[in-house]
Amino acid sequence: MIDKNSLYNQISVLILTKNEQQDLPDCLQSVSWCDDIHVFDSYSEDDTVKLAKEAGAKVTQRQFDGYASQRNVALSALPYSHSWILILDADERIPAELAREMLERVQRVQVGVNGLRIRRRDYFGKTWLKHSQMTPYYIRLVRKSKARYHREINEVLEVDGVVEDLKGHFEHYPFSKGLHHWLNKHNTYSSMEAKRWVEEHRGNLSFSLQKALFSKDFTEKRYHQKGIFYKIPGRPLIKWLYLAFWKRSFLDGRAGLTNATLQAIYEYFIVIKTRELLDKESSAEEISDNVTVPLIIHS
């Protein structure tokens, strides 16, 4: 048992919410060792705020205007009591072993280390998708005022300083609200990803194969890997084959193959929505090229 009133605690917790009455109680319970829990809410329409206050969390509400911007305001504007901030979503949980590791680590972290990367375990129901995850590591523990998000969808957290890894893991339940919710959410995400790809393509952003393969910065490496992957034809099938066979998600049984299929469907959504946007741009350019300015002659 960790004493939440101990000077040993040097971590504040940030949980971002929007209609999370189902998942929030278990998330809050998993960080009950913390004496400075902040719930940053995007004006939920259910009992999210009520449940957060009943659990003793400090609630701040702000109208949602974007994933990265919302997280940046939460990181910079809230009155955190401690120098380290643990960032969570409501469908995530912190096991006791990880809590102890985090609290011990921040006591002895070296100067210049401003972020800690933690392994995430995704679950489909009660099944740990051990072989089905694209990216197991996420920066979730950062020193106050030393981190900032960029990229609006699947946002990237940039840390001013060194990032090190922890041995423990946190738990993630992306299907906790059912497949209908997951599909609706990823339908929105795919629209945002398609728009982002078109904007980057228009700007002729280049991605480095060398950085994608050999960069020592994990976030930079993933950024260039994803950028290059988006330029490859047949991405949905490639993603399914990669997850199902290269990552061996078939070893996770039905849950693993279902997850691989859903990830491929999500990739297909991005592909067809990107194509639709590009076709619209092309049509608009053709119309613009065919417009003639009438010549008016005054006598």
C-alpha atoms as a PDB file:
ATOM      1  CA  MET A   1       0.000   0.000   0.000  1.00  0.00           C
ATOM      2  CA  ILE A   2       1.337   3.428  -0.983  1.00  0.00           C
ATOM      3  CA  ASP A   3       0.682   6.278   1.453  1.00  0.00           C
ATOM      4  CA  LYS A   4      -0.792   9.125  -0.588  1.00  0.00           C
ATOM      5  CA  ASN A   5       0.209  11.648   2.104  1.00  0.00           C
ATOM      6  CA  SER A   6       3.871  10.645   2.022  1.00  0.00           C
ATOM      7  CA  LEU A   7       6.578  13.026   0.792  1.00  0.00           C
ATOM      8  CA  TYR A   8       7.519  10.030  -1.318  1.00  0.00           C
ATOM      9  CA  ASN A   9       4.806  11.112  -3.737  1.00  0.00           C
ATOM     10  CA  GLN A  10       6.129  13.493  -6.370  1.00  0.00           C
ATOM     11  CA  ILE A  11       3.725  12.689  -9.185  1.00  0.00           C
ATOM     12  CA  SER A  12       0.539  14.480 -10.184  1.00  0.00           C
ATOM     13  CA  VAL A  13      -2.004  12.696 -12.402  1.00  0.00           C
ATOM     14  CA  LEU A  14      -3.799  14.156 -15.438  1.00  0.00           C
ATOM     15  CA  ILE A  15      -6.823  12.307 -16.854  1.00  0.00           C
ATOM     16  CA  LEU A  16      -8.519  13.666 -19.982  1.00  0.00           C
ATOM     17  CA  THR A  17     -12.225  12.921 -20.272  1.00  0.00           C
ATOM     18  CA  LYS A  18     -15.336  13.266 -22.414  1.00  0.00           C
ATOM     19  CA  ASN A  19     -18.358  11.179 -21.342  1.00  0.00           C
ATOM     20  CA  GLU A  20     -16.266   8.647 -19.419  1.00  0.00           C
ATOM     21  CA  GLN A  21     -18.635   7.642 -16.611  1.00  0.00           C
ATOM     22  CA  GLN A  22     -18.139   3.962 -17.483  1.00  0.00           C
ATOM     23  CA  ASP A  23     -14.329   3.826 -17.424  1.00  0.00           C
ATOM     24  CA  LEU A  24     -13.316   6.688 -15.116  1.00  0.00           C
ATOM     25  CA  PRO A  25     -13.997   5.035 -11.717  1.00  0.00           C
ATOM     26  CA  ASP A  26     -11.553   2.167 -12.362  1.00  0.00           C
ATOM     27  CA  CYS A  27      -8.961   4.590 -13.721  1.00  0.00           C
ATOM     28  CA  LEU A  28      -9.255   6.778 -10.622  1.00  0.00           C
ATOM     29  CA  GLN A  29      -9.050   3.740  -8.374  1.00  0.00           C
ATOM     30  CA  SER A  30      -5.795   2.673 -10.031  1.00  0.00           C
ATOM     31  CA  VAL A  31      -4.170   6.033  -9.142  1.00  0.00           C
ATOM     32  CA  SER A  32      -5.722   6.398  -5.679  1.00  0.00           C
ATOM     33  CA  TRP A  33      -2.172   6.545  -4.261  1.00  0.00           C
ATOM     34  CA  CYS A  34      -1.834  10.046  -5.756  1.00  0.00           C
ATOM     35  CA  ASP A  35      -2.777  13.132  -3.709  1.00  0.00           C
ATOM     36  CA  ASP A  36      -3.029  15.439  -6.758  1.00  0.00           C
ATOM     37  CA  ILE A  37      -5.372  14.034  -9.416  1.00  0.00           C
ATOM     38  CA  HIS A  38      -6.656  16.380 -12.129  1.00  0.00           C
ATOM     39  CA  VAL A  39      -9.537  15.520 -14.464  1.00  0.00           C
ATOM     40  CA  PHE A  40      -9.532  17.756 -17.532  1.00  0.00           C
ATOM     41  CA  ASP A  41     -13.001  17.410 -18.983  1.00  0.00           C
ATOM     42  CA  SER A  42     -14.407  18.456 -22.376  1.00  0.00           C
ATOM     43  CA  TYR A  43     -17.873  19.251 -20.977  1.00  0.00           C
ATOM     44  CA  SER A  44     -19.132  15.713 -20.529  1.00  0.00           C
ATOM     45  CA  GLU A  45     -22.868  15.179 -20.776  1.00  0.00           C
ATOM     46  CA  ASP A  46     -22.969  12.179 -18.416  1.00  0.00           C
ATOM     47  CA  ASP A  47     -21.853  11.700 -14.791  1.00  0.00           C
ATOM     48  CA  THR A  48     -18.114  11.976 -15.495  1.00  0.00           C
ATOM     49  CA  VAL A  49     -17.628  15.212 -13.539  1.00  0.00           C
ATOM     50  CA  LYS A  50     -19.801  14.033 -10.649  1.00  0.00           C
ATOM     51  CA  LEU A  51     -17.834  10.782 -10.304  1.00  0.00           C
ATOM     52  CA  ALA A  52     -14.508  12.616 -10.512  1.00  0.00           C
ATOM     53  CA  LYS A  53     -15.450  15.044  -7.735  1.00  0.00           C
ATOM     54  CA  GLU A  54     -16.794  12.240  -5.550  1.00  0.00           C
ATOM     55  CA  ALA A  55     -13.422  10.510  -5.868  1.00  0.00           C
ATOM     56  CA  GLY A  56     -11.618  13.673  -4.727  1.00  0.00           C
ATOM     57  CA  ALA A  57     -10.196  14.673  -8.109  1.00  0.00           C
ATOM     58  CA  LYS A  58      -9.789  18.312  -9.108  1.00  0.00           C
ATOM     59  CA  VAL A  59     -11.975  18.991 -12.149  1.00  0.00           C
ATOM     60  CA  THR A  60     -11.328  21.586 -14.847  1.00  0.00           C
ATOM     61  CA  GLN A  61     -13.568  21.936 -17.896  1.00  0.00           C
ATOM     62  CA  ARG A  62     -12.694  23.361 -21.295  1.00  0.00           C
ATOM     63  CA  GLN A  63     -14.496  23.272 -24.616  1.00  0.00           C
ATOM     64  CA  PHE A  64     -12.762  20.745 -26.857  1.00  0.00           C
ATOM     65  CA  ASP A  65     -10.989  22.366 -29.821  1.00  0.00           C
ATOM     66  CA  GLY A  66      -8.538  19.664 -30.851  1.00  0.00           C
ATOM     67  CA  TYR A  67      -6.664  16.714 -29.391  1.00  0.00           C
ATOM     68  CA  ALA A  68      -3.203  18.274 -29.258  1.00  0.00           C
ATOM     69  CA  SER A  69      -4.410  21.726 -28.168  1.00  0.00           C
ATOM     70  CA  GLN A  70      -6.598  20.261 -25.421  1.00  0.00           C
ATOM     71  CA  ARG A  71      -3.713  18.240 -24.025  1.00  0.00           C
ATOM     72  CA  ASN A  72      -1.304  21.179 -24.231  1.00  0.00           C
ATOM     73  CA  VAL A  73      -3.639  23.418 -22.241  1.00  0.00           C
ATOM     74  CA  ALA A  74      -4.074  20.666 -19.670  1.00  0.00           C
ATOM     75  CA  LEU A  75      -0.308  20.289 -19.303  1.00  0.00           C
ATOM     76  CA  SER A  76       0.434  24.000 -19.053  1.00  0.00           C
ATOM     77  CA  ALA A  77      -2.538  25.632 -17.311  1.00  0.00           C
ATOM     78  CA  LEU A  78      -3.421  23.391 -14.362  1.00  0.00           C
ATOM     79  CA  PRO A  79      -1.992  24.033 -10.851  1.00  0.00           C
ATOM     80  CA  TYR A  80      -0.056  20.799 -10.381  1.00  0.00           C
ATOM     81  CA  SER A  81       1.372  20.190  -6.906  1.00  0.00           C
ATOM     82  CA  HIS A  82       4.248  18.008  -8.059  1.00  0.00           C
ATOM     83  CA  SER A  83       7.065  18.272 -10.574  1.00  0.00           C
ATOM     84  CA  TRP A  84       6.111  15.139 -12.551  1.00  0.00           C
ATOM     85  CA  ILE A  85       2.833  14.584 -14.435  1.00  0.00           C
ATOM     86  CA  LEU A  86       1.399  11.168 -15.328  1.00  0.00           C
ATOM     87  CA  ILE A  87      -0.898  11.490 -18.374  1.00  0.00           C
ATOM     88  CA  LEU A  88      -3.784   9.019 -18.711  1.00  0.00           C
ATOM     89  CA  ASP A  89      -6.987   8.395 -20.617  1.00  0.00           C
ATOM     90  CA  ALA A  90     -10.002   7.075 -18.734  1.00  0.00           C
ATOM     91  CA  ASP A  91      -9.735   3.601 -20.292  1.00  0.00           C
ATOM     92  CA  GLU A  92      -6.240   3.096 -18.873  1.00  0.00           C
ATOM     93  CA  ARG A  93      -5.114   1.617 -15.548  1.00  0.00           C
ATOM     94  CA  ILE A  94      -1.917   1.817 -13.469  1.00  0.00           C
ATOM     95  CA  PRO A  95      -0.972  -1.478 -11.758  1.00  0.00           C
ATOM     96  CA  ALA A  96       0.482  -1.186  -8.255  1.00  0.00           C
ATOM     97  CA  GLU A  97       3.879  -2.468  -9.414  1.00  0.00           C
ATOM     98  CA  LEU A  98       4.180   0.324 -11.974  1.00  0.00           C
ATOM     99  CA  ALA A  99       3.090   2.943  -9.432  1.00  0.00           C
ATOM    100  CA  ARG A 100       5.897   1.885  -7.106  1.00  0.00           C
ATOM    101  CA  GLU A 101       8.429   1.882  -9.947  1.00  0.00           C
ATOM    102  CA  MET A 102       7.413   5.378 -11.090  1.00  0.00           C
ATOM    103  CA  LEU A 103       7.523   6.825  -7.582  1.00  0.00           C
ATOM    104  CA  GLU A 104      10.948   5.303  -6.938  1.00  0.00           C
ATOM    105  CA  ARG A 105      12.322   6.377 -10.319  1.00  0.00           C
ATOM    106  CA  VAL A 106      11.439  10.074 -10.039  1.00  0.00           C
ATOM    107  CA  GLN A 107      13.280  10.163  -6.713  1.00  0.00           C
ATOM    108  CA  ARG A 108      16.592   9.345  -8.380  1.00  0.00           C
ATOM    109  CA  VAL A 109      16.198  10.540 -11.962  1.00  0.00           C
ATOM    110  CA  GLN A 110      19.215  12.344 -13.361  1.00  0.00           C
ATOM    111  CA  VAL A 111      19.232  16.007 -14.328  1.00  0.00           C
ATOM    112  CA  GLY A 112      18.175  16.411 -17.955  1.00  0.00           C
ATOM    113  CA  VAL A 113      15.855  13.403 -17.954  1.00  0.00           C
ATOM    114  CA  ASN A 114      12.420  14.963 -18.424  1.00  0.00           C
ATOM    115  CA  GLY A 115      10.329  12.101 -19.735  1.00  0.00           C
ATOM    116  CA  LEU A 116       9.738   8.438 -18.971  1.00  0.00           C
ATOM    117  CA  ARG A 117       8.404   5.970 -21.522  1.00  0.00           C
ATOM    118  CA  ILE A 118       6.091   3.188 -20.335  1.00  0.00           C
ATOM    119  CA  ARG A 119       4.999  -0.031 -22.005  1.00  0.00           C
ATOM    120  CA  ARG A 120       1.278  -0.329 -22.699  1.00  0.00           C
ATOM    121  CA  ARG A 121      -0.712  -3.549 -22.706  1.00  0.00           C
ATOM    122  CA  ASP A 122      -3.837  -3.427 -24.864  1.00  0.00           C
ATOM    123  CA  TYR A 123      -6.754  -5.711 -24.022  1.00  0.00           C
ATOM    124  CA  PHE A 124      -9.640  -7.043 -26.097  1.00  0.00           C
ATOM    125  CA  GLY A 125     -12.133  -7.898 -23.398  1.00  0.00           C
ATOM    126  CA  LYS A 126     -10.038  -9.841 -20.881  1.00  0.00           C
ATOM    127  CA  THR A 127      -7.461 -10.959 -23.465  1.00  0.00           C
ATOM    128  CA  TRP A 128      -4.085  -9.242 -23.464  1.00  0.00           C
ATOM    129  CA  LEU A 129      -3.158  -8.553 -27.086  1.00  0.00           C
ATOM    130  CA  LYS A 130       0.409  -9.588 -26.457  1.00  0.00           C
ATOM    131  CA  HIS A 131       1.302 -10.089 -30.123  1.00  0.00           C
ATOM    132  CA  SER A 132      -1.053  -7.569 -31.710  1.00  0.00           C
ATOM    133  CA  GLN A 133       0.253  -4.138 -30.783  1.00  0.00           C
ATOM    134  CA  MET A 134       1.874  -1.834 -33.330  1.00  0.00           C
ATOM    135  CA  THR A 135       3.620   0.281 -30.688  1.00  0.00           C
ATOM    136  CA  PRO A 136       4.060  -0.935 -27.097  1.00  0.00           C
ATOM    137  CA  TYR A 137       5.905   2.134 -25.692  1.00  0.00           C
ATOM    138  CA  TYR A 138       4.399   5.543 -24.874  1.00  0.00           C
ATOM    139  CA  ILE A 139       5.750   8.642 -23.134  1.00  0.00           C
ATOM    140  CA  ARG A 140       3.304   9.153 -20.277  1.00  0.00           C
ATOM    141  CA  LEU A 141       5.350  10.525 -17.364  1.00  0.00           C
ATOM    142  CA  VAL A 142       6.869  13.961 -17.964  1.00  0.00           C
ATOM    143  CA  ARG A 143       8.439  16.722 -15.939  1.00  0.00           C
ATOM    144  CA  LYS A 144       6.206  19.765 -15.598  1.00  0.00           C
ATOM    145  CA  SER A 145       6.698  22.410 -18.357  1.00  0.00           C
ATOM    146  CA  LYS A 146       9.084  20.131 -20.278  1.00  0.00           C
ATOM    147  CA  ALA A 147       6.686  18.511 -22.769  1.00  0.00           C
ATOM    148  CA  ARG A 148       4.301  19.561 -25.511  1.00  0.00           C
ATOM    149  CA  TYR A 149       2.035  17.806 -28.006  1.00  0.00           C
ATOM    150  CA  HIS A 150       2.004  18.324 -31.754  1.00  0.00           C
ATOM    151  CA  ARG A 151       0.165  16.635 -34.644  1.00  0.00           C
ATOM    152  CA  GLU A 152      -3.612  16.791 -34.267  1.00  0.00           C
ATOM    153  CA  ILE A 153      -4.468  13.106 -34.679  1.00  0.00           C
ATOM    154  CA  ASN A 154      -2.493  10.327 -32.977  1.00  0.00           C
ATOM    155  CA  GLU A 155      -0.701  13.243 -31.405  1.00  0.00           C
ATOM    156  CA  VAL A 156       3.010  13.060 -30.589  1.00  0.00           C
ATOM    157  CA  LEU A 157       4.433  14.198 -27.252  1.00  0.00           C
ATOM    158  CA  GLU A 158       7.746  16.035 -27.593  1.00  0.00           C
ATOM    159  CA  VAL A 159       9.944  16.245 -24.512  1.00  0.00           C
ATOM    160  CA  ASP A 160      12.571  18.895 -23.948  1.00  0.00           C
ATOM    161  CA  GLY A 161      15.322  16.633 -22.672  1.00  0.00           C
ATOM    162  CA  VAL A 162      16.188  12.955 -22.355  1.00  0.00           C
ATOM    163  CA  VAL A 163      13.501  10.256 -22.322  1.00  0.00           C
ATOM    164  CA  GLU A 164      14.180   6.960 -20.557  1.00  0.00           C
ATOM    165  CA  ASP A 165      12.236   3.691 -20.311  1.00  0.00           C
ATOM    166  CA  LEU A 166      10.520   2.096 -17.352  1.00  0.00           C
ATOM    167  CA  LYS A 167      10.282  -1.668 -16.932  1.00  0.00           C
ATOM    168  CA  GLY A 168       6.634  -1.798 -15.873  1.00  0.00           C
ATOM    169  CA  HIS A 169       3.498  -1.493 -17.953  1.00  0.00           C
ATOM    170  CA  PHE A 170       0.106   0.168 -17.807  1.00  0.00           C
ATOM    171  CA  GLU A 171      -3.153  -1.380 -19.030  1.00  0.00           C
ATOM    172  CA  HIS A 172      -5.369  -0.098 -21.843  1.00  0.00           C
ATOM    173  CA  TYR A 173      -8.936  -1.216 -22.622  1.00  0.00           C
ATOM    174  CA  PRO A 174      -9.752   0.343 -26.029  1.00  0.00           C
ATOM    175  CA  PHE A 175     -12.810  -1.890 -26.544  1.00  0.00           C
ATOM    176  CA  SER A 176     -14.354  -1.291 -23.117  1.00  0.00           C
ATOM    177  CA  LYS A 177     -17.360   0.542 -24.612  1.00  0.00           C
ATOM    178  CA  GLY A 178     -17.943  -2.061 -27.326  1.00  0.00           C
ATOM    179  CA  LEU A 179     -17.178  -2.372 -31.024  1.00  0.00           C
ATOM    180  CA  HIS A 180     -19.812   0.187 -32.033  1.00  0.00           C
ATOM    181  CA  HIS A 181     -18.007   2.884 -30.039  1.00  0.00           C
ATOM    182  CA  TRP A 182     -14.580   1.787 -31.311  1.00  0.00           C
ATOM    183  CA  LEU A 183     -15.726   1.905 -34.947  1.00  0.00           C
ATOM    184  CA  ASN A 184     -17.388   5.309 -34.538  1.00  0.00           C
ATOM    185  CA  LYS A 185     -14.266   6.738 -32.923  1.00  0.00           C
ATOM    186  CA  HIS A 186     -11.959   5.355 -35.581  1.00  0.00           C
ATOM    187  CA  ASN A 187     -14.266   6.574 -38.317  1.00  0.00           C
ATOM    188  CA  THR A 188     -13.604  10.075 -36.971  1.00  0.00           C
ATOM    189  CA  TYR A 189      -9.886   9.391 -36.562  1.00  0.00           C
ATOM    190  CA  SER A 190      -9.585   8.123 -40.144  1.00  0.00           C
ATOM    191  CA  SER A 191     -11.133  11.323 -41.494  1.00  0.00           C
ATOM    192  CA  MET A 192      -8.600  13.360 -39.529  1.00  0.00           C
ATOM    193  CA  GLU A 193      -5.715  11.124 -40.656  1.00  0.00           C
ATOM    194  CA  ALA A 194      -6.753  11.466 -44.303  1.00  0.00           C
ATOM    195  CA  LYS A 195      -6.934  15.243 -44.024  1.00  0.00           C
ATOM    196  CA  ARG A 196      -3.533  15.353 -42.318  1.00  0.00           C
ATOM    197  CA  TRP A 197      -1.981  13.141 -45.027  1.00  0.00           C
ATOM    198  CA  VAL A 198      -3.311  15.376 -47.814  1.00  0.00           C
ATOM    199  CA  GLU A 199      -1.990  18.489 -46.066  1.00  0.00           C
ATOM    200  CA  GLU A 200       1.445  16.921 -45.595  1.00  0.00           C
ATOM    201  CA  HIS A 201       1.443  15.650 -49.177  1.00  0.00           C
ATOM    202  CA  ARG A 202       0.555  19.131 -50.429  1.00  0.00           C
ATOM    203  CA  GLY A 203       3.483  20.493 -48.430  1.00  0.00           C
ATOM    204  CA  ASN A 204       5.801  17.860 -49.938  1.00  0.00           C
ATOM    205  CA  LEU A 205       6.947  16.753 -46.497  1.00  0.00           C
ATOM    206  CA  SER A 206       9.723  14.198 -46.829  1.00  0.00           C
ATOM    207  CA  PHE A 207      10.256  11.212 -44.569  1.00  0.00           C
ATOM    208  CA  SER A 208      13.629   9.629 -43.913  1.00  0.00           C
ATOM    209  CA  LEU A 209      14.119   5.874 -44.328  1.00  0.00           C
ATOM    210  CA  GLN A 210      17.325   6.152 -42.319  1.00  0.00           C
ATOM    211  CA  LYS A 211      15.487   7.761 -39.389  1.00  0.00           C
ATOM    212  CA  ALA A 212      12.639   5.275 -39.733  1.00  0.00           C
ATOM    213  CA  LEU A 213      15.071   2.387 -39.318  1.00  0.00           C
ATOM    214  CA  PHE A 214      17.893   3.683 -37.148  1.00  0.00           C
ATOM    215  CA  SER A 215      16.836   6.771 -35.177  1.00  0.00           C
ATOM    216  CA  LYS A 216      17.610   6.435 -31.474  1.00  0.00           C
ATOM    217  CA  ASP A 217      14.699   8.750 -30.679  1.00  0.00           C
ATOM    218  CA  PHE A 218      11.690   6.427 -30.444  1.00  0.00           C
ATOM    219  CA  THR A 219       9.124   9.158 -31.254  1.00  0.00           C
ATOM    220  CA  GLU A 220      11.092  10.372 -34.279  1.00  0.00           C
ATOM    221  CA  LYS A 221      11.533   6.799 -35.474  1.00  0.00           C
ATOM    222  CA  ARG A 222       7.775   6.099 -35.301  1.00  0.00           C
ATOM    223  CA  TYR A 223       6.963   9.406 -37.035  1.00  0.00           C
ATOM    224  CA  HIS A 224       9.120   8.589 -40.064  1.00  0.00           C
ATOM    225  CA  GLN A 225       7.992   4.955 -40.123  1.00  0.00           C
ATOM    226  CA  LYS A 226       4.358   6.026 -40.296  1.00  0.00           C
ATOM    227  CA  GLY A 227       5.083   8.700 -42.891  1.00  0.00           C
ATOM    228  CA  ILE A 228       6.788   6.182 -45.180  1.00  0.00           C
ATOM    229  CA  PHE A 229       4.103   3.567 -44.551  1.00  0.00           C
ATOM    230  CA  TYR A 230       1.418   6.000 -45.714  1.00  0.00           C
ATOM    231  CA  LYS A 231       3.106   6.203 -49.130  1.00  0.00           C
ATOM    232  CA  ILE A 232       3.027   2.430 -49.702  1.00  0.00           C
ATOM    233  CA  PRO A 233       0.180   1.001 -51.858  1.00  0.00           C
ATOM    234  CA  GLY A 234      -1.912  -1.823 -50.413  1.00  0.00           C
ATOM    235  CA  ARG A 235      -1.475  -0.603 -46.849  1.00  0.00           C
ATOM    236  CA  PRO A 236      -4.583  -2.285 -45.347  1.00  0.00           C
ATOM    237  CA  LEU A 237      -3.511  -5.750 -46.512  1.00  0.00           C
ATOM    238  CA  ILE A 238       0.107  -5.117 -45.527  1.00  0.00           C
ATOM    239  CA  LYS A 239      -0.995  -4.023 -42.066  1.00  0.00           C
ATOM    240  CA  TRP A 240      -3.167  -7.113 -41.605  1.00  0.00           C
ATOM    241  CA  LEU A 241      -0.396  -9.470 -42.736  1.00  0.00           C
ATOM    242  CA  TYR A 242       2.110  -7.641 -40.539  1.00  0.00           C
ATOM    243  CA  LEU A 243      -0.063  -7.954 -37.433  1.00  0.00           C
ATOM    244  CA  ALA A 244      -1.465 -11.412 -38.099  1.00  0.00           C
ATOM    245  CA  PHE A 245       1.761 -13.159 -39.127  1.00  0.00           C
ATOM    246  CA  TRP A 246       4.860 -11.027 -38.534  1.00  0.00           C
ATOM    247  CA  LYS A 247       3.706  -9.912 -35.086  1.00  0.00           C
ATOM    248  CA  ARG A 248       1.948 -13.290 -34.671  1.00  0.00           C
ATOM    249  CA  SER A 249      -1.349 -11.938 -33.410  1.00  0.00           C
ATOM    250  CA  PHE A 250      -2.889 -15.321 -34.268  1.00  0.00           C
ATOM    251  CA  LEU A 251      -1.245 -16.473 -31.034  1.00  0.00           C
ATOM    252  CA  ASP A 252      -3.682 -14.202 -29.197  1.00  0.00           C
ATOM    253  CA  GLY A 253      -6.540 -16.281 -30.600  1.00  0.00           C
ATOM    254  CA  ARG A 254      -9.787 -14.824 -31.858  1.00  0.00           C
ATOM    255  CA  ALA A 255      -9.142 -11.546 -30.042  1.00  0.00           C
ATOM    256  CA  GLY A 256      -5.797 -11.085 -31.798  1.00  0.00           C
ATOM    257  CA  LEU A 257      -7.141 -11.784 -35.286  1.00  0.00           C
ATOM    258  CA  THR A 258     -10.180  -9.578 -34.648  1.00  0.00           C
ATOM    259  CA  ASN A 259      -7.914  -6.734 -33.605  1.00  0.00           C
ATOM    260  CA  ALA A 260      -5.678  -7.222 -36.664  1.00  0.00           C
ATOM    261  CA  THR A 261      -8.744  -7.098 -38.918  1.00  0.00           C
ATOM    262  CA  LEU A 262     -10.103  -3.970 -37.242  1.00  0.00           C
ATOM    263  CA  GLN A 263      -6.731  -2.245 -37.609  1.00  0.00           C
ATOM    264  CA  ALA A 264      -6.701  -3.129 -41.323  1.00  0.00           C
ATOM    265  CA  ILE A 265     -10.258  -1.763 -41.701  1.00  0.00           C
ATOM    266  CA  TYR A 266      -9.144   1.470 -40.023  1.00  0.00           C
ATOM    267  CA  GLU A 267      -6.246   1.689 -42.486  1.00  0.00           C
ATOM    268  CA  TYR A 268      -8.659   1.128 -45.384  1.00  0.00           C
ATOM    269  CA  PHE A 269     -10.866   3.970 -44.114  1.00  0.00           C
ATOM    270  CA  ILE A 270      -7.843   6.267 -44.271  1.00  0.00           C
ATOM    271  CA  VAL A 271      -6.943   5.120 -47.786  1.00  0.00           C
ATOM    272  CA  ILE A 272     -10.381   5.656 -49.335  1.00  0.00           C
ATOM    273  CA  LYS A 273     -10.948   8.959 -47.517  1.00  0.00           C
ATOM    274  CA  THR A 274      -7.547  10.217 -48.650  1.00  0.00           C
ATOM    275  CA  ARG A 275      -8.381   9.244 -52.220  1.00  0.00           C
ATOM    276  CA  GLU A 276     -11.706  11.055 -51.950  1.00  0.00           C
ATOM    277  CA  LEU A 277     -10.038  14.251 -50.735  1.00  0.00           C
ATOM    278  CA  LEU A 278      -7.420  14.113 -53.482  1.00  0.00           C
ATOM    279  CA  ASP A 279     -10.127  13.562 -56.109  1.00  0.00           C
ATOM    280  CA  LYS A 280     -12.026  16.589 -54.815  1.00  0.00           C
ATOM    281  CA  GLU A 281      -8.872  18.713 -54.971  1.00  0.00           C
ATOM    282  CA  SER A 282      -8.158  17.500 -58.496  1.00  0.00           C
ATOM    283  CA  SER A 283     -11.708  18.300 -59.614  1.00  0.00           C
ATOM    284  CA  ALA A 284     -11.503  21.754 -58.073  1.00  0.00           C
ATOM    285  CA  GLU A 285      -8.225  22.446 -59.896  1.00  0.00           C
ATOM    286  CA  GLU A 286      -9.723  21.321 -63.223  1.00  0.00           C
ATOM    287  CA  ILE A 287     -12.689  23.640 -62.762  1.00  0.00           C
ATOM    288  CA  SER A 288     -10.346  26.485 -61.904  1.00  0.00           C
ATOM    289  CA  ASP A 289      -8.202  25.831 -64.992  1.00  0.00           C
ATOM    290  CA  ASN A 290     -11.263  25.781 -67.262  1.00  0.00           C
ATOM    291  CA  VAL A 291     -12.719  29.048 -66.028  1.00  0.00           C
ATOM    292  CA  THR A 292     -12.229  31.787 -68.602  1.00  0.00           C
ATOM    293  CA  VAL A 293     -12.362  35.465 -67.858  1.00  0.00           C
ATOM    294  CA  PRO A 294     -14.702  37.242 -70.332  1.00  0.00           C
ATOM    295  CA  LEU A 295     -13.143  40.005 -72.383  1.00  0.00           C
ATOM    296  CA  ILE A 296     -15.244  43.151 -72.179  1.00  0.00           C
ATOM    297  CA  ILE A 297     -14.576  45.829 -74.756  1.00  0.00           C
ATOM    298  CA  HIS A 298     -15.879  49.323 -74.070  1.00  0.00           C
ATOM    299  CA  SER A 299     -16.574  51.489 -77.115  1.00  0.00           C
END
